[in-house]
Amino acid sequence: DGAANDELIQFLARRLSIPVASVQIKSGAGGRHKRVLVKGATAEFVMACLVSGQQKGRVKP
């Protein structure tokens, strides 16, 4: 579903405080499991932000 993919991209961009253009779905756009590319960020940074709820060092409100 295109709307769900768009929402995922928006969510990741907001959570990581990066431009939407920096997030791409590389594979799995039509399924439940996706591979996502986040330009300018390491996998470790992305995982840390998602797990901790932080946005680039700031606590999520």
C-alpha atoms as a PDB file:
ATOM      1  CA  ASP A   1       0.000   0.000   0.000  1.00  0.00           C
ATOM      2  CA  GLY A   2       1.513   3.309  -1.078  1.00  0.00           C
ATOM      3  CA  ALA A   3      -0.028   5.244   1.810  1.00  0.00           C
ATOM      4  CA  ALA A   4       1.539   2.917   4.385  1.00  0.00           C
ATOM      5  CA  ASN A   5       4.945   3.247   2.725  1.00  0.00           C
ATOM      6  CA  ASP A   6       4.626   7.028   2.700  1.00  0.00           C
ATOM      7  CA  GLU A   7       3.702   6.983   6.385  1.00  0.00           C
ATOM      8  CA  LEU A   8       6.739   4.830   7.190  1.00  0.00           C
ATOM      9  CA  ILE A   9       9.016   7.265   5.371  1.00  0.00           C
ATOM     10  CA  GLN A  10       7.429  10.231   7.178  1.00  0.00           C
ATOM     11  CA  PHE A  11       7.748   8.476  10.547  1.00  0.00           C
ATOM     12  CA  LEU A  12      11.426   7.669  10.060  1.00  0.00           C
ATOM     13  CA  ALA A  13      12.227  11.172   8.823  1.00  0.00           C
ATOM     14  CA  ARG A  14      10.506  12.726  11.849  1.00  0.00           C
ATOM     15  CA  ARG A  15      12.077  10.331  14.346  1.00  0.00           C
ATOM     16  CA  LEU A  16      15.575  10.852  12.920  1.00  0.00           C
ATOM     17  CA  SER A  17      15.130  14.599  12.263  1.00  0.00           C
ATOM     18  CA  ILE A  18      16.197  14.220   8.649  1.00  0.00           C
ATOM     19  CA  PRO A  19      14.622  15.279   5.348  1.00  0.00           C
ATOM     20  CA  VAL A  20      12.032  12.925   3.865  1.00  0.00           C
ATOM     21  CA  ALA A  21      14.197  12.758   0.737  1.00  0.00           C
ATOM     22  CA  SER A  22      16.886  11.001   2.810  1.00  0.00           C
ATOM     23  CA  VAL A  23      14.656   7.963   3.406  1.00  0.00           C
ATOM     24  CA  GLN A  24      13.964   5.397   0.682  1.00  0.00           C
ATOM     25  CA  ILE A  25      12.322   1.997   0.662  1.00  0.00           C
ATOM     26  CA  LYS A  26      14.842  -0.143  -1.215  1.00  0.00           C
ATOM     27  CA  SER A  27      12.837  -3.379  -1.269  1.00  0.00           C
ATOM     28  CA  GLY A  28       9.605  -4.796   0.043  1.00  0.00           C
ATOM     29  CA  ALA A  29       7.386  -1.855  -0.875  1.00  0.00           C
ATOM     30  CA  GLY A  30       4.540  -4.268  -1.595  1.00  0.00           C
ATOM     31  CA  GLY A  31       4.962  -6.421   1.500  1.00  0.00           C
ATOM     32  CA  ARG A  32       5.165  -6.294   5.269  1.00  0.00           C
ATOM     33  CA  HIS A  33       8.956  -6.635   5.450  1.00  0.00           C
ATOM     34  CA  LYS A  34      10.927  -3.728   4.043  1.00  0.00           C
ATOM     35  CA  ARG A  35      14.538  -2.779   3.522  1.00  0.00           C
ATOM     36  CA  VAL A  36      15.048   0.939   4.067  1.00  0.00           C
ATOM     37  CA  LEU A  37      17.947   3.199   3.110  1.00  0.00           C
ATOM     38  CA  VAL A  38      18.573   6.235   5.291  1.00  0.00           C
ATOM     39  CA  LYS A  39      21.080   8.498   3.565  1.00  0.00           C
ATOM     40  CA  GLY A  40      23.661  10.110   5.822  1.00  0.00           C
ATOM     41  CA  ALA A  41      23.041   7.859   8.842  1.00  0.00           C
ATOM     42  CA  THR A  42      24.582   4.642  10.066  1.00  0.00           C
ATOM     43  CA  ALA A  43      22.500   1.602  10.926  1.00  0.00           C
ATOM     44  CA  GLU A  44      23.673   1.956  14.525  1.00  0.00           C
ATOM     45  CA  PHE A  45      22.417   5.553  14.720  1.00  0.00           C
ATOM     46  CA  VAL A  46      19.042   4.640  13.231  1.00  0.00           C
ATOM     47  CA  MET A  47      18.575   1.700  15.589  1.00  0.00           C
ATOM     48  CA  ALA A  48      19.628   3.755  18.612  1.00  0.00           C
ATOM     49  CA  CYS A  49      17.103   6.484  17.758  1.00  0.00           C
ATOM     50  CA  LEU A  50      14.296   4.005  17.189  1.00  0.00           C
ATOM     51  CA  VAL A  51      14.980   2.010  20.340  1.00  0.00           C
ATOM     52  CA  SER A  52      15.564   4.959  22.657  1.00  0.00           C
ATOM     53  CA  GLY A  53      12.962   7.300  21.215  1.00  0.00           C
ATOM     54  CA  GLN A  54      15.573  10.017  20.789  1.00  0.00           C
ATOM     55  CA  GLN A  55      15.841  12.385  17.874  1.00  0.00           C
ATOM     56  CA  LYS A  56      19.465  13.237  17.094  1.00  0.00           C
ATOM     57  CA  GLY A  57      20.397  13.451  20.749  1.00  0.00           C
ATOM     58  CA  ARG A  58      17.168  15.100  21.910  1.00  0.00           C
ATOM     59  CA  VAL A  59      14.598  13.320  24.016  1.00  0.00           C
ATOM     60  CA  LYS A  60      11.328  12.856  22.175  1.00  0.00           C
ATOM     61  CA  PRO A  61       8.596  15.062  23.666  1.00  0.00           C
END
